[in-house]
């Protein structure tokens, strides 16, 4: 189960091509759950990218009704 901060980070990564100032602990947790990967982005940096599992997780949660 993800924390609300980790879930928010997953949504931010999904919705932005250049997410700014993500919490390192949340990113590390999502990497450990195999929901994110870190992809090289030009010569100066890396950026988080959703994995297939991360996309499936968000898609499954979008079907849940409160």
PDB file of N, CA and C in Angstrom:
ATOM      1  N   UNK A   1       0.842  -1.168   0.000  1.00  0.00           N
ATOM      2  CA  UNK A   1       0.000   0.000   0.000  1.00  0.00           C
ATOM      3  C   UNK A   1       0.891   1.236   0.000  1.00  0.00           C
ATOM      4  N   UNK A   2       0.530   2.201  -0.800  1.00  0.00           N
ATOM      5  CA  UNK A   2       1.301   3.436  -0.881  1.00  0.00           C
ATOM      6  C   UNK A   2       0.781   4.460   0.118  1.00  0.00           C
ATOM      7  N   UNK A   3       1.682   5.299   0.573  1.00  0.00           N
ATOM      8  CA  UNK A   3       1.258   6.429   1.397  1.00  0.00           C
ATOM      9  C   UNK A   3       0.609   7.470   0.483  1.00  0.00           C
ATOM     10  N   UNK A   4      -0.092   8.414   1.084  1.00  0.00           N
ATOM     11  CA  UNK A   4      -0.717   9.455   0.267  1.00  0.00           C
ATOM     12  C   UNK A   4       0.336  10.311  -0.430  1.00  0.00           C
ATOM     13  N   UNK A   5       1.504  10.472   0.153  1.00  0.00           N
ATOM     14  CA  UNK A   5       2.588  11.234  -0.481  1.00  0.00           C
ATOM     15  C   UNK A   5       3.134  10.478  -1.694  1.00  0.00           C
ATOM     16  N   UNK A   6       3.300   9.171  -1.550  1.00  0.00           N
ATOM     17  CA  UNK A   6       3.790   8.357  -2.659  1.00  0.00           C
ATOM     18  C   UNK A   6       2.780   8.337  -3.799  1.00  0.00           C
ATOM     19  N   UNK A   7       1.510   8.223  -3.463  1.00  0.00           N
ATOM     20  CA  UNK A   7       0.471   8.256  -4.495  1.00  0.00           C
ATOM     21  C   UNK A   7       0.485   9.594  -5.222  1.00  0.00           C
ATOM     22  N   UNK A   8       0.598  10.682  -4.476  1.00  0.00           N
ATOM     23  CA  UNK A   8       0.648  12.017  -5.092  1.00  0.00           C
ATOM     24  C   UNK A   8       1.856  12.148  -6.018  1.00  0.00           C
ATOM     25  N   UNK A   9       2.978  11.600  -5.603  1.00  0.00           N
ATOM     26  CA  UNK A   9       4.174  11.633  -6.441  1.00  0.00           C
ATOM     27  C   UNK A   9       3.945  10.854  -7.726  1.00  0.00           C
ATOM     28  N   UNK A  10       3.294   9.707  -7.637  1.00  0.00           N
ATOM     29  CA  UNK A  10       2.991   8.909  -8.816  1.00  0.00           C
ATOM     30  C   UNK A  10       2.088   9.687  -9.776  1.00  0.00           C
ATOM     31  N   UNK A  11       1.096  10.369  -9.249  1.00  0.00           N
ATOM     32  CA  UNK A  11       0.192  11.175 -10.075  1.00  0.00           C
ATOM     33  C   UNK A  11       0.957  12.335 -10.722  1.00  0.00           C
ATOM     34  N   UNK A  12       1.833  12.983  -9.960  1.00  0.00           N
ATOM     35  CA  UNK A  12       2.621  14.090 -10.514  1.00  0.00           C
ATOM     36  C   UNK A  12       3.524  13.633 -11.648  1.00  0.00           C
ATOM     37  N   UNK A  13       4.176  12.511 -11.468  1.00  0.00           N
ATOM     38  CA  UNK A  13       5.056  11.989 -12.514  1.00  0.00           C
ATOM     39  C   UNK A  13       4.238  11.654 -13.754  1.00  0.00           C
ATOM     40  N   UNK A  14       3.065  11.109 -13.575  1.00  0.00           N
ATOM     41  CA  UNK A  14       2.199  10.766 -14.701  1.00  0.00           C
ATOM     42  C   UNK A  14       1.708  12.009 -15.436  1.00  0.00           C
ATOM     43  N   UNK A  15       1.450  13.084 -14.715  1.00  0.00           N
ATOM     44  CA  UNK A  15       0.836  14.258 -15.314  1.00  0.00           C
ATOM     45  C   UNK A  15       1.776  15.319 -15.835  1.00  0.00           C
ATOM     46  N   UNK A  16       3.060  15.214 -15.552  1.00  0.00           N
ATOM     47  CA  UNK A  16       4.010  16.249 -15.944  1.00  0.00           C
ATOM     48  C   UNK A  16       5.190  15.649 -16.685  1.00  0.00           C
ATOM     49  N   UNK A  17       5.615  16.344 -17.726  1.00  0.00           N
ATOM     50  CA  UNK A  17       6.812  15.877 -18.421  1.00  0.00           C
ATOM     51  C   UNK A  17       8.072  16.247 -17.649  1.00  0.00           C
ATOM     52  N   UNK A  18       8.003  17.274 -16.833  1.00  0.00           N
ATOM     53  CA  UNK A  18       9.140  17.721 -16.023  1.00  0.00           C
ATOM     54  C   UNK A  18       8.688  17.984 -14.583  1.00  0.00           C
ATOM     55  N   UNK A  19       8.383  16.941 -13.801  1.00  0.00           N
ATOM     56  CA  UNK A  19       7.949  17.179 -12.423  1.00  0.00           C
ATOM     57  C   UNK A  19       9.069  17.823 -11.602  1.00  0.00           C
ATOM     58  N   UNK A  20       8.721  18.837 -10.842  1.00  0.00           N
ATOM     59  CA  UNK A  20       9.722  19.587 -10.080  1.00  0.00           C
ATOM     60  C   UNK A  20       9.734  19.166  -8.622  1.00  0.00           C
ATOM     61  N   UNK A  21      10.916  19.087  -8.062  1.00  0.00           N
ATOM     62  CA  UNK A  21      11.137  18.892  -6.637  1.00  0.00           C
ATOM     63  C   UNK A  21      10.301  17.775  -6.022  1.00  0.00           C
ATOM     64  N   UNK A  22      10.514  16.585  -6.489  1.00  0.00           N
ATOM     65  CA  UNK A  22       9.852  15.428  -5.899  1.00  0.00           C
ATOM     66  C   UNK A  22      10.618  14.996  -4.660  1.00  0.00           C
ATOM     67  N   UNK A  23       9.915  14.492  -3.677  1.00  0.00           N
ATOM     68  CA  UNK A  23      10.548  14.026  -2.448  1.00  0.00           C
ATOM     69  C   UNK A  23      11.337  12.748  -2.737  1.00  0.00           C
ATOM     70  N   UNK A  24      12.608  12.753  -2.383  1.00  0.00           N
ATOM     71  CA  UNK A  24      13.496  11.617  -2.663  1.00  0.00           C
ATOM     72  C   UNK A  24      12.998  10.325  -2.016  1.00  0.00           C
ATOM     73  N   UNK A  25      12.490  10.399  -0.796  1.00  0.00           N
ATOM     74  CA  UNK A  25      12.000   9.200  -0.118  1.00  0.00           C
ATOM     75  C   UNK A  25      10.797   8.602  -0.848  1.00  0.00           C
ATOM     76  N   UNK A  26       9.915   9.457  -1.346  1.00  0.00           N
ATOM     77  CA  UNK A  26       8.751   8.966  -2.078  1.00  0.00           C
ATOM     78  C   UNK A  26       9.180   8.314  -3.389  1.00  0.00           C
ATOM     79  N   UNK A  27      10.126   8.937  -4.087  1.00  0.00           N
ATOM     80  CA  UNK A  27      10.632   8.370  -5.341  1.00  0.00           C
ATOM     81  C   UNK A  27      11.305   7.028  -5.070  1.00  0.00           C
ATOM     82  N   UNK A  28      12.109   6.953  -4.020  1.00  0.00           N
ATOM     83  CA  UNK A  28      12.783   5.700  -3.680  1.00  0.00           C
ATOM     84  C   UNK A  28      11.772   4.590  -3.362  1.00  0.00           C
ATOM     85  N   UNK A  29      10.703   4.933  -2.658  1.00  0.00           N
ATOM     86  CA  UNK A  29       9.671   3.940  -2.345  1.00  0.00           C
ATOM     87  C   UNK A  29       8.987   3.456  -3.620  1.00  0.00           C
ATOM     88  N   UNK A  30       8.702   4.360  -4.541  1.00  0.00           N
ATOM     89  CA  UNK A  30       8.061   3.983  -5.796  1.00  0.00           C
ATOM     90  C   UNK A  30       9.000   3.146  -6.669  1.00  0.00           C
ATOM     91  N   UNK A  31      10.290   3.442  -6.621  1.00  0.00           N
ATOM     92  CA  UNK A  31      11.280   2.616  -7.323  1.00  0.00           C
ATOM     93  C   UNK A  31      11.303   1.209  -6.730  1.00  0.00           C
ATOM     94  N   UNK A  32      11.248   1.114  -5.410  1.00  0.00           N
ATOM     95  CA  UNK A  32      11.269  -0.183  -4.727  1.00  0.00           C
ATOM     96  C   UNK A  32      10.025  -1.009  -5.063  1.00  0.00           C
ATOM     97  N   UNK A  33       8.903  -0.344  -5.283  1.00  0.00           N
ATOM     98  CA  UNK A  33       7.654  -1.027  -5.650  1.00  0.00           C
ATOM     99  C   UNK A  33       7.570  -1.286  -7.157  1.00  0.00           C
ATOM    100  N   UNK A  34       8.609  -0.891  -7.890  1.00  0.00           N
ATOM    101  CA  UNK A  34       8.655  -1.035  -9.357  1.00  0.00           C
ATOM    102  C   UNK A  34       7.534  -0.278 -10.057  1.00  0.00           C
ATOM    103  N   UNK A  35       7.157   0.866  -9.494  1.00  0.00           N
ATOM    104  CA  UNK A  35       6.141   1.710 -10.114  1.00  0.00           C
ATOM    105  C   UNK A  35       6.768   2.842 -10.915  1.00  0.00           C
ATOM    106  N   UNK A  36       8.045   3.132 -10.660  1.00  0.00           N
ATOM    107  CA  UNK A  36       8.810   4.160 -11.377  1.00  0.00           C
ATOM    108  C   UNK A  36      10.152   3.601 -11.802  1.00  0.00           C
ATOM    109  N   UNK A  37      10.687   4.204 -12.849  1.00  0.00           N
ATOM    110  CA  UNK A  37      12.084   4.014 -13.216  1.00  0.00           C
ATOM    111  C   UNK A  37      12.687   5.402 -13.368  1.00  0.00           C
ATOM    112  N   UNK A  38      14.001   5.473 -13.401  1.00  0.00           N
ATOM    113  CA  UNK A  38      14.687   6.729 -13.663  1.00  0.00           C
ATOM    114  C   UNK A  38      15.322   6.635 -15.047  1.00  0.00           C
ATOM    115  N   UNK A  39      14.912   7.520 -15.927  1.00  0.00           N
ATOM    116  CA  UNK A  39      15.377   7.523 -17.310  1.00  0.00           C
ATOM    117  C   UNK A  39      16.317   8.706 -17.524  1.00  0.00           C
ATOM    118  N   UNK A  40      17.361   8.473 -18.330  1.00  0.00           N
ATOM    119  CA  UNK A  40      18.257   9.593 -18.635  1.00  0.00           C
ATOM    120  C   UNK A  40      17.510  10.594 -19.507  1.00  0.00           C
ATOM    121  N   UNK A  41      17.760  11.844 -19.223  1.00  0.00           N
ATOM    122  CA  UNK A  41      17.074  12.931 -19.923  1.00  0.00           C
ATOM    123  C   UNK A  41      18.117  13.967 -20.320  1.00  0.00           C
ATOM    124  N   UNK A  42      18.727  13.742 -21.427  1.00  0.00           N
ATOM    125  CA  UNK A  42      19.767  14.652 -21.876  1.00  0.00           C
ATOM    126  C   UNK A  42      21.052  14.446 -21.091  1.00  0.00           C
ATOM    127  N   UNK A  43      22.026  15.272 -21.356  1.00  0.00           N
ATOM    128  CA  UNK A  43      23.336  15.100 -20.717  1.00  0.00           C
ATOM    129  C   UNK A  43      23.373  15.511 -19.249  1.00  0.00           C
ATOM    130  N   UNK A  44      22.394  16.270 -18.806  1.00  0.00           N
ATOM    131  CA  UNK A  44      22.472  16.845 -17.460  1.00  0.00           C
ATOM    132  C   UNK A  44      21.525  16.270 -16.437  1.00  0.00           C
ATOM    133  N   UNK A  45      20.781  15.250 -16.776  1.00  0.00           N
ATOM    134  CA  UNK A  45      19.863  14.807 -15.741  1.00  0.00           C
ATOM    135  C   UNK A  45      19.104  13.546 -16.048  1.00  0.00           C
ATOM    136  N   UNK A  46      18.313  13.184 -15.076  1.00  0.00           N
ATOM    137  CA  UNK A  46      17.433  12.035 -15.172  1.00  0.00           C
ATOM    138  C   UNK A  46      16.033  12.489 -14.792  1.00  0.00           C
ATOM    139  N   UNK A  47      15.063  11.710 -15.220  1.00  0.00           N
ATOM    140  CA  UNK A  47      13.695  12.024 -14.804  1.00  0.00           C
ATOM    141  C   UNK A  47      12.955  10.739 -14.530  1.00  0.00           C
ATOM    142  N   UNK A  48      12.026  10.791 -13.590  1.00  0.00           N
ATOM    143  CA  UNK A  48      11.240   9.592 -13.288  1.00  0.00           C
ATOM    144  C   UNK A  48      10.231   9.315 -14.397  1.00  0.00           C
ATOM    145  N   UNK A  49       9.995   8.043 -14.626  1.00  0.00           N
ATOM    146  CA  UNK A  49       9.052   7.595 -15.641  1.00  0.00           C
ATOM    147  C   UNK A  49       8.226   6.467 -15.047  1.00  0.00           C
ATOM    148  N   UNK A  50       6.926   6.471 -15.291  1.00  0.00           N
ATOM    149  CA  UNK A  50       6.081   5.378 -14.821  1.00  0.00           C
ATOM    150  C   UNK A  50       6.437   4.076 -15.532  1.00  0.00           C
ATOM    151  N   UNK A  51       6.420   2.990 -14.802  1.00  0.00           N
ATOM    152  CA  UNK A  51       6.556   1.666 -15.398  1.00  0.00           C
ATOM    153  C   UNK A  51       5.168   1.193 -15.827  1.00  0.00           C
ATOM    154  N   UNK A  52       5.115   0.053 -16.475  1.00  0.00           N
ATOM    155  CA  UNK A  52       3.817  -0.534 -16.836  1.00  0.00           C
ATOM    156  C   UNK A  52       2.997  -0.805 -15.577  1.00  0.00           C
ATOM    157  N   UNK A  53       3.687  -1.242 -14.503  1.00  0.00           N
ATOM    158  CA  UNK A  53       2.997  -1.485 -13.231  1.00  0.00           C
ATOM    159  C   UNK A  53       2.451  -0.185 -12.645  1.00  0.00           C
ATOM    160  N   UNK A  54       3.212   0.890 -12.771  1.00  0.00           N
ATOM    161  CA  UNK A  54       2.750   2.191 -12.279  1.00  0.00           C
ATOM    162  C   UNK A  54       1.522   2.672 -13.022  1.00  0.00           C
ATOM    163  N   UNK A  55       1.521   2.498 -14.336  1.00  0.00           N
ATOM    164  CA  UNK A  55       0.352   2.872 -15.145  1.00  0.00           C
ATOM    165  C   UNK A  55      -0.858   2.029 -14.763  1.00  0.00           C
ATOM    166  N   UNK A  56      -0.633   0.726 -14.589  1.00  0.00           N
ATOM    167  CA  UNK A  56      -1.734  -0.170 -14.212  1.00  0.00           C
ATOM    168  C   UNK A  56      -2.288   0.200 -12.843  1.00  0.00           C
ATOM    169  N   UNK A  57      -1.409   0.577 -11.911  1.00  0.00           N
ATOM    170  CA  UNK A  57      -1.834   0.974 -10.565  1.00  0.00           C
ATOM    171  C   UNK A  57      -2.740   2.203 -10.637  1.00  0.00           C
ATOM    172  N   UNK A  58      -2.318   3.222 -11.378  1.00  0.00           N
ATOM    173  CA  UNK A  58      -3.154   4.431 -11.509  1.00  0.00           C
ATOM    174  C   UNK A  58      -4.463   4.124 -12.220  1.00  0.00           C
ATOM    175  N   UNK A  59      -4.402   3.294 -13.235  1.00  0.00           N
ATOM    176  CA  UNK A  59      -5.618   2.938 -13.974  1.00  0.00           C
ATOM    177  C   UNK A  59      -6.594   2.191 -13.072  1.00  0.00           C
ATOM    178  N   UNK A  60      -6.083   1.272 -12.260  1.00  0.00           N
ATOM    179  CA  UNK A  60      -6.949   0.516 -11.348  1.00  0.00           C
ATOM    180  C   UNK A  60      -7.588   1.433 -10.313  1.00  0.00           C
ATOM    181  N   UNK A  61      -6.810   2.385  -9.804  1.00  0.00           N
ATOM    182  CA  UNK A  61      -7.364   3.292  -8.798  1.00  0.00           C
ATOM    183  C   UNK A  61      -8.381   4.260  -9.384  1.00  0.00           C
ATOM    184  N   UNK A  62      -8.258   4.547 -10.666  1.00  0.00           N
ATOM    185  CA  UNK A  62      -9.227   5.461 -11.275  1.00  0.00           C
ATOM    186  C   UNK A  62     -10.594   4.804 -11.410  1.00  0.00           C
ATOM    187  N   UNK A  63     -10.650   3.484 -11.304  1.00  0.00           N
ATOM    188  CA  UNK A  63     -11.921   2.765 -11.403  1.00  0.00           C
ATOM    189  C   UNK A  63     -12.633   2.653 -10.058  1.00  0.00           C
ATOM    190  N   UNK A  64     -11.927   2.933  -8.980  1.00  0.00           N
ATOM    191  CA  UNK A  64     -12.512   2.797  -7.636  1.00  0.00           C
ATOM    192  C   UNK A  64     -13.417   4.000  -7.376  1.00  0.00           C
ATOM    193  N   UNK A  65     -14.596   3.730  -6.878  1.00  0.00           N
ATOM    194  CA  UNK A  65     -15.516   4.809  -6.515  1.00  0.00           C
ATOM    195  C   UNK A  65     -15.658   4.852  -5.014  1.00  0.00           C
ATOM    196  N   UNK A  66     -15.606   6.039  -4.460  1.00  0.00           N
ATOM    197  CA  UNK A  66     -15.712   6.204  -3.003  1.00  0.00           C
ATOM    198  C   UNK A  66     -17.151   6.108  -2.551  1.00  0.00           C
TER     199      UNK A  66
END
